[in-house]
């Protein structure tokens, strides 16, 4: 079946119904037009994925494999995966990044709690597109265990790197410091040309997007601190 994800027509060939269910809101109404790219998973790739995550069932393993194979092709289309929790508010997107357990999803939830019109664009694995006109963040079917996200897109306004601290602070992050953090929050293709293109796209992201380091706990004051910095 052909799906429309991040403004690309993508053919996904899956053997288990879980991936089709996950992508149901992205199903293209036009199944006859050609796809930009095609993704499927071999038995060998399933075995490799199972060795890394033996606790997952085959349907989940296949879904993870499919998204990874999709993402390593994205740089050829000026796109890349970004591990982030993204909030849409006021027609623009705000991305929260951090190590596993840092609280990026929790902090994004504070925005939803205190801003009536805010919504989660993608809770975990959005796709970012870099164009001359701007940087766009897309929701994807793969949006974390809680499945928080929607089939939509918004221009990226700013980035917040989250660290757990009792004392709240938020400071502008230098481009070099932001680059080091972003490098760990994407997937690098093994193919040399695509890997180089990924670096170019990440550089565009960092040089064109204000980034801040937020040290905070889970509180209304933490939300106010990040809201003031990221929106202004």
N, C-alpha and C. Protein backbone atom coordinates (compact mmCIF):
# COMPACT_ATOMS: atom_id res chain seq x y z
N UNK A 1 0.84 -1.20 0.00
CA UNK A 1 0.00 0.00 0.00
C UNK A 1 0.88 1.25 0.00
N UNK A 2 0.33 2.34 -0.55
CA UNK A 2 1.06 3.60 -0.63
C UNK A 2 0.52 4.56 0.43
N UNK A 3 1.43 5.18 1.14
CA UNK A 3 1.08 6.13 2.19
C UNK A 3 1.73 7.48 1.89
N UNK A 4 1.13 8.54 2.40
CA UNK A 4 1.68 9.88 2.23
C UNK A 4 2.21 10.34 3.58
N UNK A 5 3.52 10.30 3.73
CA UNK A 5 4.19 10.63 4.97
C UNK A 5 5.24 11.70 4.69
N UNK A 6 5.19 12.80 5.43
CA UNK A 6 6.15 13.90 5.25
C UNK A 6 6.18 14.39 3.80
N UNK A 7 5.01 14.46 3.19
CA UNK A 7 4.87 14.91 1.80
C UNK A 7 5.66 14.05 0.82
N UNK A 8 5.79 12.77 1.13
CA UNK A 8 6.37 11.78 0.22
C UNK A 8 5.38 10.64 0.04
N UNK A 9 5.33 10.12 -1.17
CA UNK A 9 4.53 8.92 -1.42
C UNK A 9 5.41 7.71 -1.17
N UNK A 10 5.04 6.91 -0.17
CA UNK A 10 5.89 5.82 0.28
C UNK A 10 5.12 4.51 0.21
N UNK A 11 5.67 3.56 -0.54
CA UNK A 11 5.07 2.24 -0.60
C UNK A 11 5.64 1.40 0.55
N UNK A 12 4.75 0.88 1.38
CA UNK A 12 5.16 0.03 2.50
C UNK A 12 4.58 -1.36 2.28
N UNK A 13 5.47 -2.32 2.19
CA UNK A 13 5.05 -3.72 2.02
C UNK A 13 5.34 -4.46 3.32
N UNK A 14 4.28 -4.80 4.04
CA UNK A 14 4.44 -5.44 5.34
C UNK A 14 3.70 -6.77 5.37
N UNK A 15 4.20 -7.68 6.17
CA UNK A 15 3.57 -8.99 6.28
C UNK A 15 2.61 -9.09 7.46
N UNK A 16 2.77 -8.18 8.43
CA UNK A 16 1.90 -8.17 9.60
C UNK A 16 0.97 -6.94 9.54
N UNK A 17 -0.27 -7.06 10.00
CA UNK A 17 -1.23 -5.96 9.88
C UNK A 17 -0.94 -4.78 10.81
N UNK A 18 -0.04 -4.95 11.78
CA UNK A 18 0.20 -3.87 12.74
C UNK A 18 0.69 -2.60 12.07
N UNK A 19 1.65 -2.72 11.15
CA UNK A 19 2.19 -1.52 10.50
C UNK A 19 1.12 -0.83 9.67
N UNK A 20 0.29 -1.59 8.97
CA UNK A 20 -0.81 -1.00 8.20
C UNK A 20 -1.78 -0.27 9.12
N UNK A 21 -2.05 -0.86 10.28
CA UNK A 21 -2.93 -0.19 11.25
C UNK A 21 -2.28 1.10 11.76
N UNK A 22 -1.00 1.03 12.06
CA UNK A 22 -0.28 2.20 12.57
C UNK A 22 -0.31 3.35 11.58
N UNK A 23 -0.24 3.02 10.29
CA UNK A 23 -0.16 4.04 9.23
C UNK A 23 -1.52 4.38 8.62
N UNK A 24 -2.58 3.93 9.21
CA UNK A 24 -3.90 4.02 8.59
C UNK A 24 -4.32 5.45 8.26
N UNK A 25 -3.94 6.41 9.08
CA UNK A 25 -4.33 7.80 8.84
C UNK A 25 -3.49 8.45 7.75
N UNK A 26 -2.47 7.76 7.28
CA UNK A 26 -1.57 8.29 6.25
C UNK A 26 -1.78 7.59 4.90
N UNK A 27 -2.76 6.71 4.83
CA UNK A 27 -3.01 5.96 3.61
C UNK A 27 -3.40 6.90 2.47
N UNK A 28 -2.72 6.78 1.33
CA UNK A 28 -3.00 7.65 0.19
C UNK A 28 -4.33 7.26 -0.47
N UNK A 29 -5.09 8.27 -0.85
CA UNK A 29 -6.32 8.03 -1.58
C UNK A 29 -6.04 7.58 -3.01
N UNK A 30 -4.86 7.90 -3.50
CA UNK A 30 -4.45 7.52 -4.86
C UNK A 30 -3.42 6.40 -4.77
N UNK A 31 -3.86 5.19 -4.99
CA UNK A 31 -2.97 4.04 -4.91
C UNK A 31 -2.31 3.70 -6.25
N UNK A 32 -2.68 4.42 -7.30
CA UNK A 32 -2.17 4.09 -8.63
C UNK A 32 -0.94 4.90 -9.01
N UNK A 33 -0.80 6.13 -8.50
CA UNK A 33 0.36 6.96 -8.83
C UNK A 33 1.62 6.36 -8.23
N UNK A 34 2.77 6.55 -8.88
CA UNK A 34 4.02 5.95 -8.41
C UNK A 34 4.45 6.51 -7.06
N UNK A 35 5.14 5.70 -6.29
CA UNK A 35 5.66 6.11 -4.99
C UNK A 35 7.07 6.68 -5.14
N UNK A 36 7.45 7.56 -4.22
CA UNK A 36 8.81 8.11 -4.22
C UNK A 36 9.83 7.06 -3.80
N UNK A 37 9.45 6.21 -2.87
CA UNK A 37 10.33 5.15 -2.41
C UNK A 37 9.51 4.00 -1.86
N UNK A 38 10.15 2.85 -1.75
CA UNK A 38 9.47 1.64 -1.30
C UNK A 38 10.26 1.00 -0.17
N UNK A 39 9.53 0.45 0.82
CA UNK A 39 10.18 -0.14 1.99
C UNK A 39 9.55 -1.49 2.30
N UNK A 40 10.40 -2.48 2.55
CA UNK A 40 9.97 -3.78 3.03
C UNK A 40 11.10 -4.36 3.87
N UNK A 41 10.82 -5.45 4.57
CA UNK A 41 11.80 -6.01 5.50
C UNK A 41 12.05 -7.47 5.16
N UNK A 42 13.30 -7.86 5.10
CA UNK A 42 13.67 -9.26 4.80
C UNK A 42 13.70 -10.08 6.09
N UNK A 43 13.75 -11.41 5.93
CA UNK A 43 13.86 -12.29 7.09
C UNK A 43 15.15 -12.05 7.86
N UNK A 44 16.22 -11.77 7.14
CA UNK A 44 17.50 -11.50 7.79
C UNK A 44 17.44 -10.23 8.63
N UNK A 45 16.76 -9.21 8.12
CA UNK A 45 16.62 -7.96 8.88
C UNK A 45 15.74 -8.16 10.11
N UNK A 46 14.72 -8.99 9.98
CA UNK A 46 13.89 -9.31 11.13
C UNK A 46 14.71 -10.03 12.20
N UNK A 47 15.54 -10.96 11.80
CA UNK A 47 16.38 -11.69 12.75
C UNK A 47 17.35 -10.74 13.47
N UNK A 48 17.92 -9.81 12.73
CA UNK A 48 18.85 -8.84 13.33
C UNK A 48 18.13 -7.96 14.34
N UNK A 49 16.92 -7.54 14.00
CA UNK A 49 16.13 -6.71 14.91
C UNK A 49 15.74 -7.50 16.16
N UNK A 50 15.41 -8.78 15.97
CA UNK A 50 15.01 -9.63 17.09
C UNK A 50 16.17 -9.83 18.07
N UNK A 51 17.39 -9.88 17.55
CA UNK A 51 18.56 -10.04 18.41
C UNK A 51 18.77 -8.83 19.31
N UNK A 52 18.38 -7.65 18.82
CA UNK A 52 18.54 -6.42 19.59
C UNK A 52 17.39 -6.25 20.60
N UNK A 53 16.17 -6.61 20.18
CA UNK A 53 14.99 -6.41 21.03
C UNK A 53 14.17 -7.70 21.10
N UNK A 54 14.67 -8.72 21.80
CA UNK A 54 13.99 -10.01 21.84
C UNK A 54 12.64 -9.97 22.55
N UNK A 55 12.38 -8.90 23.30
CA UNK A 55 11.12 -8.82 24.03
C UNK A 55 9.94 -8.41 23.14
N UNK A 56 10.22 -7.93 21.94
CA UNK A 56 9.16 -7.46 21.04
C UNK A 56 8.59 -8.62 20.22
N UNK A 57 7.30 -8.50 19.88
CA UNK A 57 6.70 -9.49 18.99
C UNK A 57 7.10 -9.18 17.55
N UNK A 58 6.83 -10.12 16.65
CA UNK A 58 7.27 -9.97 15.26
C UNK A 58 6.65 -8.76 14.58
N UNK A 59 5.39 -8.45 14.90
CA UNK A 59 4.73 -7.31 14.27
C UNK A 59 5.42 -6.00 14.64
N UNK A 60 5.79 -5.86 15.91
CA UNK A 60 6.48 -4.66 16.35
C UNK A 60 7.89 -4.58 15.78
N UNK A 61 8.56 -5.74 15.71
CA UNK A 61 9.89 -5.77 15.11
C UNK A 61 9.86 -5.31 13.66
N UNK A 62 8.87 -5.80 12.92
CA UNK A 62 8.76 -5.41 11.53
C UNK A 62 8.51 -3.91 11.40
N UNK A 63 7.63 -3.37 12.23
CA UNK A 63 7.33 -1.95 12.17
C UNK A 63 8.57 -1.11 12.44
N UNK A 64 9.35 -1.50 13.44
CA UNK A 64 10.58 -0.78 13.74
C UNK A 64 11.57 -0.84 12.58
N UNK A 65 11.69 -2.02 11.98
CA UNK A 65 12.59 -2.19 10.83
C UNK A 65 12.17 -1.31 9.66
N UNK A 66 10.88 -1.30 9.40
CA UNK A 66 10.36 -0.52 8.28
C UNK A 66 10.66 0.96 8.46
N UNK A 67 10.45 1.46 9.66
CA UNK A 67 10.68 2.90 9.86
C UNK A 67 12.17 3.23 9.77
N UNK A 68 13.02 2.34 10.29
CA UNK A 68 14.46 2.59 10.19
C UNK A 68 14.90 2.58 8.73
N UNK A 69 14.41 1.63 7.95
CA UNK A 69 14.79 1.57 6.54
C UNK A 69 14.26 2.78 5.77
N UNK A 70 13.10 3.25 6.16
CA UNK A 70 12.56 4.47 5.55
C UNK A 70 13.45 5.66 5.89
N UNK A 71 13.83 5.77 7.15
CA UNK A 71 14.57 6.95 7.60
C UNK A 71 15.95 7.06 6.97
N UNK A 72 16.61 5.94 6.71
CA UNK A 72 17.95 6.04 6.13
C UNK A 72 17.89 6.48 4.67
N UNK A 73 16.72 6.45 4.06
CA UNK A 73 16.57 6.94 2.70
C UNK A 73 16.17 8.41 2.64
N UNK A 74 15.71 8.95 3.75
CA UNK A 74 15.14 10.29 3.76
C UNK A 74 16.10 11.41 3.36
N UNK A 75 17.40 11.35 3.73
CA UNK A 75 18.28 12.47 3.36
C UNK A 75 18.32 12.76 1.87
N UNK A 76 18.06 11.77 1.03
CA UNK A 76 18.02 12.00 -0.41
C UNK A 76 16.87 12.92 -0.79
N UNK A 77 15.92 13.09 0.13
CA UNK A 77 14.75 13.94 -0.12
C UNK A 77 14.73 15.14 0.83
N UNK A 78 15.92 15.53 1.32
CA UNK A 78 16.07 16.69 2.23
C UNK A 78 15.30 16.51 3.53
N UNK A 79 15.24 15.29 4.02
CA UNK A 79 14.53 14.99 5.25
C UNK A 79 15.37 14.07 6.14
N UNK A 80 15.05 14.06 7.43
CA UNK A 80 15.73 13.16 8.36
C UNK A 80 14.85 12.94 9.59
N UNK A 81 15.11 11.83 10.26
CA UNK A 81 14.44 11.53 11.52
C UNK A 81 15.07 12.35 12.64
N UNK A 82 14.23 12.86 13.54
CA UNK A 82 14.72 13.54 14.73
C UNK A 82 14.01 12.95 15.95
N UNK A 83 14.78 12.37 16.88
CA UNK A 83 14.17 11.87 18.12
C UNK A 83 13.81 13.08 18.97
N UNK A 84 12.53 13.39 19.04
CA UNK A 84 12.08 14.57 19.77
C UNK A 84 10.59 14.45 20.06
N UNK A 85 10.18 15.18 21.06
CA UNK A 85 8.75 15.35 21.31
C UNK A 85 8.39 16.75 20.84
N UNK A 86 7.47 16.85 19.89
CA UNK A 86 7.19 18.12 19.22
C UNK A 86 5.78 18.60 19.53
N UNK A 87 5.71 19.85 19.97
CA UNK A 87 4.43 20.49 20.27
C UNK A 87 4.12 21.50 19.17
N UNK A 88 2.88 21.50 18.72
CA UNK A 88 2.42 22.54 17.79
C UNK A 88 1.56 23.53 18.56
N UNK A 89 1.89 24.79 18.42
CA UNK A 89 1.13 25.84 19.12
C UNK A 89 1.22 27.13 18.31
N UNK A 90 0.11 27.74 18.05
CA UNK A 90 0.10 28.99 17.30
C UNK A 90 0.57 28.83 15.87
N UNK A 91 0.39 27.64 15.31
CA UNK A 91 0.76 27.42 13.92
C UNK A 91 2.22 27.12 13.68
N UNK A 92 3.02 26.98 14.76
CA UNK A 92 4.43 26.64 14.62
C UNK A 92 4.77 25.48 15.55
N UNK A 93 5.95 24.90 15.35
CA UNK A 93 6.36 23.72 16.12
C UNK A 93 7.52 24.05 17.04
N UNK A 94 7.51 23.39 18.20
CA UNK A 94 8.58 23.50 19.18
C UNK A 94 9.05 22.08 19.50
N UNK A 95 10.35 21.83 19.35
CA UNK A 95 10.88 20.48 19.52
C UNK A 95 11.65 20.38 20.84
N UNK A 96 11.33 19.35 21.61
CA UNK A 96 12.03 19.08 22.86
C UNK A 96 12.87 17.82 22.70
N UNK A 97 14.17 17.94 22.97
CA UNK A 97 15.11 16.84 22.78
C UNK A 97 15.79 16.54 24.10
N UNK A 98 16.25 15.31 24.25
CA UNK A 98 16.99 14.93 25.45
C UNK A 98 17.29 13.45 25.45
N UNK A 99 18.19 13.04 26.33
CA UNK A 99 18.50 11.63 26.48
C UNK A 99 17.25 10.89 26.96
N UNK A 100 17.25 9.58 26.78
CA UNK A 100 16.13 8.77 27.25
C UNK A 100 15.95 8.97 28.76
N UNK A 101 14.73 9.31 29.16
CA UNK A 101 14.44 9.55 30.56
C UNK A 101 14.66 10.98 31.02
N UNK A 102 15.10 11.85 30.11
CA UNK A 102 15.37 13.24 30.49
C UNK A 102 14.08 14.02 30.77
N UNK A 103 12.97 13.56 30.18
CA UNK A 103 11.71 14.23 30.44
C UNK A 103 11.18 15.07 29.30
N UNK A 104 11.65 14.81 28.07
CA UNK A 104 11.18 15.62 26.96
C UNK A 104 9.68 15.44 26.72
N UNK A 105 9.19 14.21 26.80
CA UNK A 105 7.75 13.98 26.62
C UNK A 105 6.95 14.57 27.76
N UNK A 106 7.49 14.45 28.98
CA UNK A 106 6.82 15.02 30.14
C UNK A 106 6.72 16.53 30.02
N UNK A 107 7.81 17.16 29.57
CA UNK A 107 7.78 18.61 29.44
C UNK A 107 6.84 19.05 28.33
N UNK A 108 6.83 18.29 27.23
CA UNK A 108 5.86 18.61 26.17
C UNK A 108 4.44 18.52 26.72
N UNK A 109 4.22 17.56 27.63
CA UNK A 109 2.90 17.43 28.25
C UNK A 109 2.51 18.64 29.06
N UNK A 110 3.50 19.33 29.64
CA UNK A 110 3.20 20.56 30.38
C UNK A 110 2.63 21.63 29.45
N UNK A 111 3.16 21.71 28.24
CA UNK A 111 2.64 22.67 27.28
C UNK A 111 1.18 22.36 26.95
N UNK A 112 0.89 21.07 26.80
CA UNK A 112 -0.48 20.68 26.50
C UNK A 112 -1.39 21.00 27.69
N UNK A 113 -0.89 20.83 28.88
CA UNK A 113 -1.67 21.08 30.09
C UNK A 113 -2.01 22.56 30.26
N UNK A 114 -1.04 23.42 30.01
CA UNK A 114 -1.23 24.83 30.31
C UNK A 114 -1.60 25.69 29.10
N UNK A 115 -1.53 25.14 27.90
CA UNK A 115 -1.90 25.88 26.69
C UNK A 115 -3.07 25.18 26.02
N UNK A 116 -4.22 25.79 26.06
CA UNK A 116 -5.43 25.13 25.59
C UNK A 116 -5.35 24.74 24.12
N UNK A 117 -4.69 25.54 23.30
CA UNK A 117 -4.65 25.30 21.86
C UNK A 117 -3.42 24.49 21.42
N UNK A 118 -2.58 24.08 22.34
CA UNK A 118 -1.39 23.30 21.99
C UNK A 118 -1.76 21.84 21.78
N UNK A 119 -0.99 21.16 20.92
CA UNK A 119 -1.21 19.74 20.67
C UNK A 119 0.13 19.08 20.37
N UNK A 120 0.18 17.76 20.56
CA UNK A 120 1.38 16.99 20.24
C UNK A 120 1.38 16.69 18.75
N UNK A 121 2.39 17.20 18.06
CA UNK A 121 2.54 16.89 16.63
C UNK A 121 3.13 15.49 16.47
N UNK A 122 4.12 15.18 17.29
CA UNK A 122 4.68 13.83 17.32
C UNK A 122 5.40 13.65 18.65
N UNK A 123 5.12 12.53 19.32
CA UNK A 123 5.67 12.33 20.64
C UNK A 123 7.07 11.76 20.70
N UNK A 124 7.62 11.30 19.56
CA UNK A 124 8.91 10.63 19.66
C UNK A 124 9.77 10.67 18.40
N UNK A 125 9.17 10.44 17.23
CA UNK A 125 9.99 10.27 16.02
C UNK A 125 9.42 11.05 14.83
N UNK A 126 9.44 12.36 14.90
CA UNK A 126 8.99 13.15 13.75
C UNK A 126 10.02 13.13 12.63
N UNK A 127 9.60 13.59 11.47
CA UNK A 127 10.49 13.78 10.33
C UNK A 127 10.66 15.28 10.12
N UNK A 128 11.90 15.70 9.89
CA UNK A 128 12.21 17.11 9.66
C UNK A 128 12.61 17.30 8.20
N UNK A 129 12.06 18.32 7.59
CA UNK A 129 12.38 18.63 6.18
C UNK A 129 13.05 20.00 6.12
N UNK A 130 14.16 20.07 5.40
CA UNK A 130 14.91 21.32 5.27
C UNK A 130 14.75 21.84 3.85
N UNK A 131 14.22 23.04 3.72
CA UNK A 131 14.07 23.70 2.42
C UNK A 131 14.55 25.14 2.54
N UNK A 132 14.77 25.79 1.42
CA UNK A 132 15.19 27.19 1.45
C UNK A 132 14.17 28.06 2.16
N UNK A 133 12.91 27.72 2.02
CA UNK A 133 11.84 28.53 2.60
C UNK A 133 11.69 28.32 4.10
N UNK A 134 12.28 27.26 4.64
CA UNK A 134 12.16 27.03 6.07
C UNK A 134 12.36 25.57 6.43
N UNK A 135 12.22 25.30 7.72
CA UNK A 135 12.36 23.95 8.25
C UNK A 135 11.00 23.50 8.77
N UNK A 136 10.53 22.37 8.24
CA UNK A 136 9.20 21.87 8.54
C UNK A 136 9.31 20.57 9.34
N UNK A 137 8.45 20.43 10.35
CA UNK A 137 8.38 19.19 11.12
C UNK A 137 7.07 18.48 10.79
N UNK A 138 7.15 17.18 10.55
CA UNK A 138 5.98 16.38 10.19
C UNK A 138 5.67 15.35 11.27
N UNK A 139 4.40 15.17 11.52
CA UNK A 139 3.97 14.03 12.29
C UNK A 139 4.15 12.77 11.47
N UNK A 140 4.36 11.64 12.13
CA UNK A 140 4.52 10.35 11.46
C UNK A 140 3.70 9.30 12.21
N UNK A 141 3.45 8.16 11.59
CA UNK A 141 2.75 7.10 12.31
C UNK A 141 3.54 6.58 13.52
N UNK A 142 4.86 6.75 13.50
CA UNK A 142 5.70 6.28 14.59
C UNK A 142 5.90 7.44 15.57
N UNK A 143 5.20 7.37 16.69
CA UNK A 143 5.17 8.54 17.58
C UNK A 143 5.27 8.15 19.06
N UNK A 144 5.95 7.05 19.36
CA UNK A 144 6.17 6.67 20.74
C UNK A 144 5.18 5.66 21.26
N UNK A 145 5.46 5.13 22.44
CA UNK A 145 4.62 4.10 23.05
C UNK A 145 3.20 4.60 23.30
N UNK A 146 3.06 5.89 23.61
CA UNK A 146 1.74 6.44 23.90
C UNK A 146 0.96 6.78 22.64
N UNK A 147 1.61 6.66 21.47
CA UNK A 147 0.98 6.97 20.18
C UNK A 147 0.39 8.38 20.16
N UNK A 148 1.18 9.34 20.65
CA UNK A 148 0.74 10.73 20.67
C UNK A 148 1.27 11.43 19.42
N UNK A 149 0.37 11.86 18.57
CA UNK A 149 0.77 12.55 17.35
C UNK A 149 -0.40 12.70 16.41
N UNK A 150 -0.14 13.34 15.27
CA UNK A 150 -1.19 13.55 14.28
C UNK A 150 -0.57 13.71 12.91
N UNK A 151 -1.39 13.50 11.89
CA UNK A 151 -0.95 13.64 10.51
C UNK A 151 -1.04 15.11 10.13
N UNK A 152 0.02 15.84 10.42
CA UNK A 152 0.05 17.28 10.19
C UNK A 152 1.51 17.73 10.12
N UNK A 153 1.72 18.99 9.84
CA UNK A 153 3.07 19.55 9.80
C UNK A 153 3.02 21.00 10.24
N UNK A 154 4.20 21.52 10.62
CA UNK A 154 4.29 22.92 11.04
C UNK A 154 5.73 23.37 10.93
N UNK A 155 5.95 24.66 10.65
CA UNK A 155 7.32 25.18 10.61
C UNK A 155 7.94 25.16 12.01
N UNK A 156 9.20 24.76 12.09
CA UNK A 156 9.90 24.69 13.37
C UNK A 156 10.37 26.08 13.78
N UNK A 157 10.01 26.47 15.01
CA UNK A 157 10.43 27.79 15.50
C UNK A 157 11.66 27.72 16.39
N UNK A 158 11.72 26.74 17.30
CA UNK A 158 12.86 26.66 18.20
C UNK A 158 12.98 25.27 18.82
N UNK A 159 14.13 25.03 19.44
CA UNK A 159 14.46 23.73 20.02
C UNK A 159 14.80 23.92 21.50
N UNK A 160 14.31 23.01 22.33
CA UNK A 160 14.67 23.00 23.74
C UNK A 160 15.30 21.68 24.11
N UNK A 161 16.54 21.70 24.59
CA UNK A 161 17.21 20.50 25.08
C UNK A 161 16.91 20.38 26.58
N UNK A 162 16.36 19.23 26.98
CA UNK A 162 15.88 19.04 28.34
C UNK A 162 16.88 18.28 29.19
N UNK A 163 17.14 18.81 30.40
CA UNK A 163 17.91 18.10 31.42
C UNK A 163 17.18 18.20 32.74
N UNK A 164 17.16 17.11 33.51
CA UNK A 164 16.49 17.09 34.80
C UNK A 164 17.34 17.79 35.85
N UNK A 165 16.79 18.86 36.42
CA UNK A 165 17.45 19.58 37.52
C UNK A 165 16.38 20.14 38.46
N UNK A 166 16.72 20.26 39.75
CA UNK A 166 15.77 20.86 40.69
C UNK A 166 15.63 22.35 40.44
N UNK A 167 16.75 23.00 40.17
CA UNK A 167 16.72 24.44 39.91
C UNK A 167 16.44 24.69 38.44
N UNK A 168 15.52 25.60 38.17
CA UNK A 168 15.10 25.86 36.78
C UNK A 168 15.98 26.93 36.15
N UNK A 169 16.42 26.67 34.92
CA UNK A 169 17.15 27.68 34.16
C UNK A 169 17.02 27.35 32.69
N UNK A 170 17.11 28.38 31.87
CA UNK A 170 17.08 28.17 30.43
C UNK A 170 17.97 29.19 29.77
N UNK A 171 18.95 28.71 29.02
CA UNK A 171 19.91 29.60 28.39
C UNK A 171 20.04 29.23 26.92
N UNK A 172 20.38 30.22 26.12
CA UNK A 172 20.62 29.97 24.70
C UNK A 172 21.81 29.04 24.55
N UNK A 173 21.66 28.06 23.65
CA UNK A 173 22.71 27.08 23.42
C UNK A 173 23.54 27.51 22.22
N UNK A 174 24.87 27.38 22.33
CA UNK A 174 25.72 27.68 21.19
C UNK A 174 25.48 26.66 20.09
N UNK A 175 25.81 27.02 18.87
CA UNK A 175 25.61 26.11 17.75
C UNK A 175 26.46 24.86 17.90
N UNK A 176 27.67 24.99 18.40
CA UNK A 176 28.53 23.82 18.55
C UNK A 176 27.98 22.87 19.61
N UNK A 177 27.49 23.42 20.71
CA UNK A 177 26.91 22.58 21.77
C UNK A 177 25.63 21.92 21.29
N UNK A 178 24.80 22.67 20.57
CA UNK A 178 23.56 22.11 20.04
C UNK A 178 23.85 21.01 19.03
N UNK A 179 24.88 21.20 18.22
CA UNK A 179 25.23 20.19 17.21
C UNK A 179 25.60 18.87 17.86
N UNK A 180 26.37 18.91 18.93
CA UNK A 180 26.77 17.68 19.62
C UNK A 180 25.55 16.92 20.13
N UNK A 181 24.56 17.64 20.62
CA UNK A 181 23.35 16.99 21.13
C UNK A 181 22.49 16.43 20.00
N UNK A 182 22.36 17.18 18.93
CA UNK A 182 21.50 16.75 17.82
C UNK A 182 22.07 15.52 17.13
N UNK A 183 23.39 15.42 17.07
CA UNK A 183 24.03 14.29 16.39
C UNK A 183 23.60 12.94 16.97
N UNK A 184 23.23 12.93 18.25
CA UNK A 184 22.84 11.68 18.89
C UNK A 184 21.34 11.41 18.77
N UNK A 185 20.62 12.30 18.11
CA UNK A 185 19.16 12.18 18.08
C UNK A 185 18.61 11.92 16.68
N UNK A 186 19.43 11.28 15.85
CA UNK A 186 18.98 10.93 14.51
C UNK A 186 19.56 9.58 14.11
N UNK A 187 19.24 9.13 12.92
CA UNK A 187 19.78 7.89 12.37
C UNK A 187 20.70 8.23 11.21
N UNK A 188 21.92 7.70 11.24
CA UNK A 188 22.86 7.96 10.16
C UNK A 188 22.87 6.77 9.19
N UNK A 189 22.63 7.03 7.91
CA UNK A 189 22.71 5.96 6.92
C UNK A 189 24.15 5.44 6.82
N UNK A 190 24.28 4.17 6.46
CA UNK A 190 25.61 3.62 6.24
C UNK A 190 26.20 4.08 4.92
N UNK A 191 25.35 4.36 3.96
CA UNK A 191 25.81 4.82 2.64
C UNK A 191 26.45 6.20 2.79
N UNK A 192 27.67 6.35 2.29
CA UNK A 192 28.48 7.53 2.55
C UNK A 192 27.82 8.82 2.08
N UNK A 193 27.25 8.83 0.89
CA UNK A 193 26.64 10.04 0.35
C UNK A 193 25.45 10.49 1.21
N UNK A 194 24.64 9.53 1.62
CA UNK A 194 23.48 9.87 2.44
C UNK A 194 23.89 10.30 3.85
N UNK A 195 24.95 9.71 4.37
CA UNK A 195 25.46 10.12 5.68
C UNK A 195 25.96 11.56 5.63
N UNK A 196 26.67 11.90 4.55
CA UNK A 196 27.16 13.27 4.39
C UNK A 196 26.00 14.25 4.25
N UNK A 197 24.97 13.82 3.51
CA UNK A 197 23.80 14.69 3.35
C UNK A 197 23.09 14.89 4.69
N UNK A 198 23.06 13.87 5.52
CA UNK A 198 22.47 14.00 6.85
C UNK A 198 23.18 15.06 7.66
N UNK A 199 24.50 15.07 7.61
CA UNK A 199 25.27 16.08 8.32
C UNK A 199 24.96 17.48 7.81
N UNK A 200 24.81 17.61 6.51
CA UNK A 200 24.47 18.91 5.93
C UNK A 200 23.10 19.38 6.42
N UNK A 201 22.15 18.47 6.48
CA UNK A 201 20.80 18.83 6.92
C UNK A 201 20.79 19.20 8.40
N UNK A 202 21.54 18.46 9.21
CA UNK A 202 21.63 18.79 10.63
C UNK A 202 22.28 20.15 10.84
N UNK A 203 23.27 20.45 10.02
CA UNK A 203 23.91 21.76 10.11
C UNK A 203 22.92 22.87 9.80
N UNK A 204 22.08 22.65 8.79
CA UNK A 204 21.05 23.64 8.46
C UNK A 204 20.08 23.81 9.63
N UNK A 205 19.71 22.70 10.25
CA UNK A 205 18.80 22.77 11.39
C UNK A 205 19.38 23.64 12.50
N UNK A 206 20.63 23.40 12.84
CA UNK A 206 21.25 24.10 13.96
C UNK A 206 21.51 25.58 13.65
N UNK A 207 21.97 25.86 12.44
CA UNK A 207 22.31 27.24 12.12
C UNK A 207 21.08 28.11 11.90
N UNK A 208 19.95 27.51 11.59
CA UNK A 208 18.75 28.28 11.28
C UNK A 208 17.69 28.25 12.38
N UNK A 209 17.93 27.49 13.45
CA UNK A 209 16.91 27.34 14.48
C UNK A 209 17.46 27.71 15.85
N UNK A 210 16.85 28.67 16.56
CA UNK A 210 17.29 28.98 17.92
C UNK A 210 17.17 27.75 18.82
N UNK A 211 18.20 27.51 19.64
CA UNK A 211 18.21 26.35 20.52
C UNK A 211 18.53 26.79 21.94
N UNK A 212 17.91 26.14 22.92
CA UNK A 212 18.07 26.50 24.32
C UNK A 212 18.28 25.24 25.14
N UNK A 213 19.03 25.37 26.22
CA UNK A 213 19.21 24.30 27.19
C UNK A 213 18.32 24.60 28.38
N UNK A 214 17.38 23.71 28.64
CA UNK A 214 16.44 23.87 29.75
C UNK A 214 16.75 22.86 30.84
N UNK A 215 17.14 23.36 31.99
CA UNK A 215 17.33 22.52 33.17
C UNK A 215 16.14 22.75 34.09
N UNK A 216 15.38 21.70 34.36
CA UNK A 216 14.12 21.93 35.06
C UNK A 216 13.61 20.67 35.74
N UNK A 217 12.59 20.86 36.57
CA UNK A 217 11.81 19.76 37.10
C UNK A 217 10.45 19.78 36.40
N UNK A 218 9.51 19.01 36.88
CA UNK A 218 8.18 18.98 36.29
C UNK A 218 7.28 19.91 37.10
N UNK A 219 7.08 21.12 36.61
CA UNK A 219 6.28 22.09 37.36
C UNK A 219 5.76 23.16 36.41
N UNK A 220 4.81 23.92 36.91
CA UNK A 220 4.27 25.03 36.12
C UNK A 220 5.35 26.07 35.85
N UNK A 221 6.25 26.28 36.82
CA UNK A 221 7.32 27.24 36.62
C UNK A 221 8.28 26.80 35.53
N UNK A 222 8.51 25.49 35.43
CA UNK A 222 9.37 24.98 34.36
C UNK A 222 8.74 25.26 33.01
N UNK A 223 7.42 25.05 32.91
CA UNK A 223 6.72 25.37 31.67
C UNK A 223 6.86 26.85 31.33
N UNK A 224 6.65 27.71 32.32
CA UNK A 224 6.72 29.16 32.07
C UNK A 224 8.11 29.56 31.59
N UNK A 225 9.13 28.93 32.16
CA UNK A 225 10.51 29.24 31.77
C UNK A 225 10.75 28.89 30.30
N UNK A 226 10.35 27.69 29.90
CA UNK A 226 10.58 27.27 28.53
C UNK A 226 9.68 28.02 27.55
N UNK A 227 8.46 28.27 27.95
CA UNK A 227 7.53 28.98 27.06
C UNK A 227 8.05 30.37 26.72
N UNK A 228 8.53 31.07 27.74
CA UNK A 228 9.04 32.43 27.52
C UNK A 228 10.22 32.44 26.56
N UNK A 229 11.14 31.50 26.76
CA UNK A 229 12.34 31.47 25.91
C UNK A 229 12.04 31.02 24.50
N UNK A 230 11.29 29.93 24.37
CA UNK A 230 11.08 29.34 23.04
C UNK A 230 10.14 30.15 22.17
N UNK A 231 9.17 30.81 22.75
CA UNK A 231 8.22 31.56 21.94
C UNK A 231 8.67 32.97 21.63
N UNK A 232 9.51 33.53 22.46
CA UNK A 232 9.94 34.92 22.24
C UNK A 232 11.24 35.01 21.48
